[in-house]
Amino acid sequence: MKSTEQNDRRSFLRKGLGIAAVASTVTALKAFQTDSVEETGEKVKLLSPEGEIVEIDKAYLKPVPEVHIPPAQAREGIPNKRFVMVIDLARCKNLRKCHDACEAMHHCGPEKEFLKILKMQDNKLASPYWQPTMCFHCDEPPCVKVCPVDATYKRSDGIVLIDTDRCIGCRFCMVACPYTARTFDWSEPAIPLEIAHQHYSPETSVPAKKGTVSKCDFCPDMVRKGEMPHCVTACPNGVFYFGDEYEDAVSNGDETVRLSELLRDRAGYRLHEDLGTKPRVYYLPPVNRSFPFEDDEFSKQTDHDHEN
């Protein structure tokens, strides 16, 4: 029995940490054989070929080379994967680290947001909470159905992407999206010259183009390298869990858990499920919060209500 439990645990950890950064594990472990590496003092956790978690200095990791995925290839999902995200509302403090990281990596200007942090309040007597909101990569995406040129498409790994080479700027997808997750570039995007001249890929949404639609893409370019989306790694409070539904494992970088258990034990839900869009982003209710709600406008309104 003990051996079986250990094997089950080892199998689960192998799957869970496979979502994070384990693509270079073997290379990193072999690097210990050389003395030419200067250690940084920053430790990272990897999975060894034997299925054990090991902690090594970041200096031993060799970067995965950049691979350009052209638009035609970007239509093919990563094989045997079904990506999903879970957002723990009880942990969100509106630090906006996720927002800033997303904007920086996608070169979004101030007029364009892929990830919004919304102040929500279920009723007048309830306490407000912060809700990160982005594209939900629906399994029944209305945006895909209305696109007349197949610019918006659903991949086999669950990700919904936009090919701006095909986009004609009709904005039918923006009207069809019930989550207002899409943005439109009305003018020429203000991006660095070297970015503007690089090869375009729907997997990075870069470089953006005038007269086209863009949105959150789940960072498939990072996932291909065995890394997490930028919003996940940037959040210091572990709000975002990302993983593979097929493996039933999600991770926020600090912990890896079973997706099914997390949703069941924490009453996970999807936004506007009655619409039948079947989003691939789940929320955990804002109960037993890690931080008190802080907002200047809310505090002023609360004080005014108490005075009256």
Protein backbone atom coordinates (compact mmCIF):
# COMPACT_ATOMS: atom_id res chain seq x y z
CA MET A 1 0.00 0.00 0.00
CA LYS A 2 2.78 2.41 0.91
CA SER A 3 4.56 1.74 -2.37
CA THR A 4 1.35 2.37 -4.32
CA GLU A 5 0.75 5.68 -2.55
CA GLN A 6 4.30 6.80 -3.28
CA ASN A 7 3.93 5.90 -6.94
CA ASP A 8 0.63 7.77 -7.19
CA ARG A 9 2.13 10.85 -5.56
CA ARG A 10 5.18 10.68 -7.77
CA SER A 11 3.01 10.36 -10.87
CA PHE A 12 0.92 13.38 -9.86
CA LEU A 13 3.95 15.53 -9.16
CA ARG A 14 5.47 14.52 -12.47
CA LYS A 15 2.34 15.70 -14.24
CA GLY A 16 1.89 18.86 -12.19
CA LEU A 17 5.43 20.14 -12.41
CA GLY A 18 5.47 19.28 -16.07
CA ILE A 19 3.33 22.39 -16.46
CA ALA A 20 6.03 24.58 -14.97
CA ALA A 21 9.65 24.69 -16.07
CA VAL A 22 10.98 21.16 -16.46
CA ALA A 23 11.89 21.09 -20.13
CA SER A 24 15.54 21.67 -19.30
CA THR A 25 15.77 19.43 -16.23
CA VAL A 26 18.13 16.85 -17.70
CA THR A 27 20.40 19.54 -19.10
CA ALA A 28 20.41 21.34 -15.77
CA LEU A 29 21.29 18.21 -13.82
CA LYS A 30 24.13 17.40 -16.20
CA ALA A 31 25.47 20.91 -15.70
CA PHE A 32 26.48 19.95 -12.16
CA GLN A 33 29.35 18.03 -13.72
CA THR A 34 31.13 21.27 -14.62
CA ASP A 35 32.70 23.86 -12.33
CA SER A 36 32.45 26.67 -14.90
CA VAL A 37 29.00 27.82 -13.73
CA GLU A 38 28.86 30.76 -11.32
CA GLU A 39 25.92 30.26 -8.96
CA THR A 40 23.39 33.10 -8.48
CA GLY A 41 21.95 32.05 -5.13
CA GLU A 42 18.45 31.93 -6.66
CA LYS A 43 16.96 28.46 -6.35
CA VAL A 44 14.44 26.79 -8.68
CA LYS A 45 12.54 23.53 -8.32
CA LEU A 46 12.66 20.95 -11.11
CA LEU A 47 11.61 17.39 -11.64
CA SER A 48 14.37 14.83 -12.11
CA PRO A 49 14.10 12.04 -14.71
CA GLU A 50 13.33 9.69 -11.78
CA GLY A 51 10.30 11.75 -10.80
CA GLU A 52 11.84 13.41 -7.73
CA ILE A 53 11.64 17.15 -6.97
CA VAL A 54 15.11 18.71 -6.89
CA GLU A 55 16.19 22.25 -6.04
CA ILE A 56 19.11 23.73 -7.94
CA ASP A 57 20.71 27.09 -8.54
CA LYS A 58 19.18 28.99 -11.46
CA ALA A 59 22.61 29.34 -13.05
CA TYR A 60 22.55 25.69 -14.06
CA LEU A 61 19.51 26.18 -16.28
CA LYS A 62 20.18 26.64 -19.96
CA PRO A 63 17.63 28.85 -21.71
CA VAL A 64 15.31 27.19 -24.20
CA PRO A 65 15.97 28.72 -27.63
CA GLU A 66 13.27 30.97 -29.03
CA VAL A 67 11.13 29.24 -31.65
CA HIS A 68 9.04 31.29 -34.04
CA ILE A 69 5.61 29.74 -34.60
CA PRO A 70 4.14 31.03 -37.89
CA PRO A 71 0.40 31.73 -38.16
CA ALA A 72 -0.36 28.47 -40.00
CA GLN A 73 1.36 26.35 -37.34
CA ALA A 74 -0.16 28.43 -34.53
CA ARG A 75 -3.57 27.03 -35.54
CA GLU A 76 -2.46 23.62 -34.33
CA GLY A 77 -2.86 23.12 -30.62
CA ILE A 78 -0.11 21.61 -28.49
CA PRO A 79 -0.75 17.84 -28.72
CA ASN A 80 -2.43 16.01 -25.84
CA LYS A 81 -3.00 19.21 -23.86
CA ARG A 82 -6.16 20.99 -22.67
CA PHE A 83 -5.20 24.16 -20.86
CA VAL A 84 -7.24 25.65 -18.04
CA MET A 85 -6.91 28.50 -15.53
CA VAL A 86 -8.29 28.92 -12.01
CA ILE A 87 -8.36 32.33 -10.28
CA ASP A 88 -8.51 32.46 -6.48
CA LEU A 89 -10.44 35.64 -5.67
CA ALA A 90 -9.63 35.31 -1.98
CA ARG A 91 -5.96 36.02 -2.72
CA CYS A 92 -6.29 39.02 -5.01
CA LYS A 93 -5.17 42.35 -3.53
CA ASN A 94 -5.24 44.35 -6.78
CA LEU A 95 -1.47 44.71 -6.86
CA ARG A 96 -1.75 44.70 -10.67
CA LYS A 97 1.51 42.82 -11.11
CA CYS A 98 -0.32 40.42 -13.44
CA HIS A 99 -1.74 43.30 -15.45
CA ASP A 100 1.61 45.05 -15.80
CA ALA A 101 3.44 41.86 -16.79
CA CYS A 102 0.83 41.08 -19.42
CA GLU A 103 1.01 44.56 -20.90
CA ALA A 104 4.81 44.56 -20.94
CA MET A 105 5.16 41.17 -22.63
CA HIS A 106 2.45 41.89 -25.22
CA HIS A 107 3.60 45.50 -25.73
CA CYS A 108 0.13 46.87 -24.99
CA GLY A 109 -0.25 50.61 -24.82
CA PRO A 110 -2.27 52.42 -22.12
CA GLU A 111 -5.36 52.29 -24.34
CA LYS A 112 -5.32 48.48 -24.54
CA GLU A 113 -5.78 45.93 -21.74
CA PHE A 114 -5.78 42.17 -22.12
CA LEU A 115 -6.24 41.67 -18.38
CA LYS A 116 -8.51 43.89 -16.29
CA ILE A 117 -8.84 43.96 -12.49
CA LEU A 118 -12.48 44.74 -11.78
CA LYS A 119 -14.03 45.83 -8.49
CA MET A 120 -17.00 43.54 -7.88
CA GLN A 121 -19.77 43.64 -5.29
CA ASP A 122 -22.49 40.98 -5.29
CA ASN A 123 -24.99 43.18 -3.43
CA LYS A 124 -25.09 46.43 -1.46
CA LEU A 125 -24.49 44.75 1.90
CA ALA A 126 -21.71 42.44 0.71
CA SER A 127 -18.05 43.37 0.81
CA PRO A 128 -16.48 44.17 -2.58
CA TYR A 129 -13.65 42.09 -4.00
CA TRP A 130 -11.18 42.27 -6.89
CA GLN A 131 -11.74 40.10 -9.96
CA PRO A 132 -9.05 39.61 -12.61
CA THR A 133 -10.82 39.26 -15.97
CA MET A 134 -9.46 38.31 -19.37
CA CYS A 135 -10.42 36.18 -22.36
CA PHE A 136 -11.97 32.96 -21.04
CA HIS A 137 -11.02 30.77 -24.03
CA CYS A 138 -14.51 29.31 -24.19
CA ASP A 139 -15.17 25.80 -25.47
CA GLU A 140 -18.23 27.22 -27.26
CA PRO A 141 -16.80 30.61 -28.29
CA PRO A 142 -19.35 32.92 -29.95
CA CYS A 143 -16.47 35.01 -31.30
CA VAL A 144 -15.32 32.11 -33.48
CA LYS A 145 -18.79 31.49 -34.85
CA VAL A 146 -19.32 35.06 -36.08
CA CYS A 147 -15.88 35.67 -37.64
CA PRO A 148 -16.43 35.81 -41.43
CA VAL A 149 -12.77 35.19 -42.36
CA ASP A 150 -11.71 32.53 -39.83
CA ALA A 151 -9.33 34.98 -38.15
CA THR A 152 -10.53 33.89 -34.70
CA TYR A 153 -10.21 30.17 -34.09
CA LYS A 154 -10.32 27.50 -31.38
CA ARG A 155 -7.36 25.14 -31.03
CA SER A 156 -7.38 21.51 -29.90
CA ASP A 157 -5.57 22.48 -26.66
CA GLY A 158 -8.46 24.76 -25.66
CA ILE A 159 -6.83 28.09 -26.53
CA VAL A 160 -8.68 30.68 -28.64
CA LEU A 161 -6.38 32.83 -30.79
CA ILE A 162 -6.64 35.64 -33.33
CA ASP A 163 -4.69 35.72 -36.59
CA THR A 164 -4.34 39.42 -37.38
CA ASP A 165 -3.01 38.54 -40.83
CA ARG A 166 -6.59 37.48 -41.60
CA CYS A 167 -8.49 39.93 -39.41
CA ILE A 168 -10.39 42.54 -41.45
CA GLY A 169 -11.44 44.64 -38.47
CA CYS A 170 -15.19 44.03 -38.76
CA ARG A 171 -15.37 43.67 -34.94
CA PHE A 172 -18.19 41.10 -35.11
CA CYS A 173 -16.22 39.08 -32.54
CA MET A 174 -16.15 42.01 -30.13
CA VAL A 175 -19.92 42.32 -30.31
CA ALA A 176 -20.40 38.57 -29.87
CA CYS A 177 -18.10 38.25 -26.83
CA PRO A 178 -20.22 38.47 -23.66
CA TYR A 179 -17.15 39.17 -21.53
CA THR A 180 -15.86 42.28 -23.39
CA ALA A 181 -12.47 40.60 -23.49
CA ARG A 182 -11.34 42.00 -26.84
CA THR A 183 -9.67 45.24 -27.87
CA PHE A 184 -9.33 47.02 -31.20
CA ASP A 185 -6.30 48.91 -32.48
CA TRP A 186 -7.80 52.10 -33.91
CA SER A 187 -4.39 53.60 -34.61
CA GLU A 188 -0.91 52.34 -35.32
CA PRO A 189 0.35 50.63 -32.13
CA ALA A 190 3.19 52.47 -30.40
CA ILE A 191 5.73 49.65 -30.14
CA PRO A 192 9.53 49.59 -30.32
CA LEU A 193 10.97 49.43 -33.83
CA GLU A 194 12.64 46.07 -33.27
CA ILE A 195 9.31 44.61 -32.14
CA ALA A 196 7.41 46.08 -35.07
CA HIS A 197 9.82 44.43 -37.52
CA GLN A 198 9.89 40.97 -35.96
CA HIS A 199 7.99 38.01 -37.38
CA TYR A 200 4.34 37.98 -36.35
CA SER A 201 2.78 35.02 -34.55
CA PRO A 202 -0.73 34.61 -33.10
CA GLU A 203 0.93 32.80 -30.20
CA THR A 204 2.52 36.03 -29.00
CA SER A 205 -0.02 38.55 -30.38
CA VAL A 206 3.04 40.60 -31.34
CA PRO A 207 3.49 42.80 -33.24
CA ALA A 208 -0.01 44.28 -33.12
CA LYS A 209 -1.52 45.79 -36.26
CA LYS A 210 -3.73 48.80 -36.87
CA GLY A 211 -7.35 47.93 -37.64
CA THR A 212 -7.32 44.48 -36.01
CA VAL A 213 -8.63 42.85 -32.85
CA SER A 214 -6.45 41.42 -30.06
CA LYS A 215 -6.91 39.86 -26.63
CA CYS A 216 -5.44 37.58 -23.93
CA ASP A 217 -3.86 34.54 -25.60
CA PHE A 218 -2.94 32.35 -22.57
CA CYS A 219 0.72 32.87 -23.59
CA PRO A 220 1.07 29.68 -25.67
CA ASP A 221 4.60 30.73 -26.62
CA MET A 222 5.55 30.37 -22.96
CA VAL A 223 3.65 27.11 -22.55
CA ARG A 224 5.54 25.59 -25.48
CA LYS A 225 8.76 26.24 -23.54
CA GLY A 226 7.36 24.58 -20.42
CA GLU A 227 6.75 27.90 -18.66
CA MET A 228 3.71 29.58 -17.14
CA PRO A 229 1.76 32.52 -18.62
CA HIS A 230 3.16 35.89 -17.56
CA CYS A 231 0.20 36.74 -15.30
CA VAL A 232 0.77 33.56 -13.28
CA THR A 233 4.49 34.10 -12.67
CA ALA A 234 4.12 37.82 -11.96
CA CYS A 235 1.52 37.45 -9.19
CA PRO A 236 3.22 37.35 -5.75
CA ASN A 237 0.11 36.02 -3.99
CA GLY A 238 -0.57 32.88 -6.04
CA VAL A 239 -3.90 34.11 -7.40
CA PHE A 240 -3.59 32.35 -10.77
CA TYR A 241 -3.42 28.58 -11.24
CA PHE A 242 -2.65 27.28 -14.72
CA GLY A 243 -2.41 23.75 -16.00
CA ASP A 244 -3.68 20.87 -18.08
CA GLU A 245 -7.18 19.50 -17.65
CA TYR A 246 -6.10 16.14 -19.10
CA GLU A 247 -3.49 15.79 -16.36
CA ASP A 248 -5.94 17.12 -13.75
CA ALA A 249 -3.18 19.37 -12.41
CA VAL A 250 -2.77 23.13 -12.05
CA SER A 251 -0.04 25.21 -10.46
CA ASN A 252 0.43 28.80 -9.33
CA GLY A 253 4.19 28.38 -9.28
CA ASP A 254 4.39 27.68 -5.54
CA GLU A 255 2.04 24.72 -5.29
CA THR A 256 0.70 22.09 -7.66
CA VAL A 257 -2.78 20.71 -6.96
CA ARG A 258 -5.39 18.55 -8.59
CA LEU A 259 -7.77 20.63 -10.68
CA SER A 260 -10.82 18.50 -9.88
CA GLU A 261 -10.23 18.64 -6.13
CA LEU A 262 -9.56 22.38 -6.15
CA LEU A 263 -12.82 23.13 -7.97
CA ARG A 264 -14.83 20.68 -5.85
CA ASP A 265 -13.45 21.62 -2.43
CA ARG A 266 -13.42 25.39 -3.08
CA ALA A 267 -16.76 25.62 -4.96
CA GLY A 268 -15.19 26.69 -8.24
CA TYR A 269 -17.47 28.34 -10.79
CA ARG A 270 -17.38 29.90 -14.26
CA LEU A 271 -18.62 33.36 -15.15
CA HIS A 272 -22.06 33.48 -16.81
CA GLU A 273 -22.30 29.71 -17.21
CA ASP A 274 -25.95 30.17 -18.20
CA LEU A 275 -24.77 31.55 -21.56
CA GLY A 276 -23.46 28.13 -22.58
CA THR A 277 -20.04 29.43 -23.63
CA LYS A 278 -18.19 26.93 -21.38
CA PRO A 279 -15.24 29.14 -20.32
CA ARG A 280 -11.88 27.55 -19.58
CA VAL A 281 -11.28 30.01 -16.73
CA TYR A 282 -12.72 29.14 -13.31
CA TYR A 283 -13.06 31.30 -10.21
CA LEU A 284 -12.78 30.37 -6.55
CA PRO A 285 -15.13 32.47 -4.36
CA PRO A 286 -13.63 35.33 -2.29
CA VAL A 287 -14.10 33.67 1.11
CA ASN A 288 -11.53 33.55 3.93
CA ARG A 289 -9.63 36.30 2.18
CA SER A 290 -5.90 36.74 2.52
CA PHE A 291 -6.23 40.55 2.52
CA PRO A 292 -8.89 43.09 3.50
CA PHE A 293 -10.49 44.96 0.61
CA GLU A 294 -8.75 48.27 0.05
CA ASP A 295 -10.05 50.99 -2.25
CA ASP A 296 -10.16 54.73 -1.63
CA GLU A 297 -13.51 55.29 -3.35
CA PHE A 298 -15.14 52.42 -1.45
CA SER A 299 -13.77 53.65 1.88
CA LYS A 300 -15.13 57.17 1.28
CA GLN A 301 -18.57 55.80 0.34
CA THR A 302 -18.63 53.54 3.41
CA ASP A 303 -17.77 56.44 5.72
CA HIS A 304 -20.51 58.56 4.11
CA ASP A 305 -23.10 55.78 4.59
CA HIS A 306 -22.15 55.44 8.27
CA GLU A 307 -22.51 59.20 8.79
CA ASN A 308 -26.01 59.11 7.30
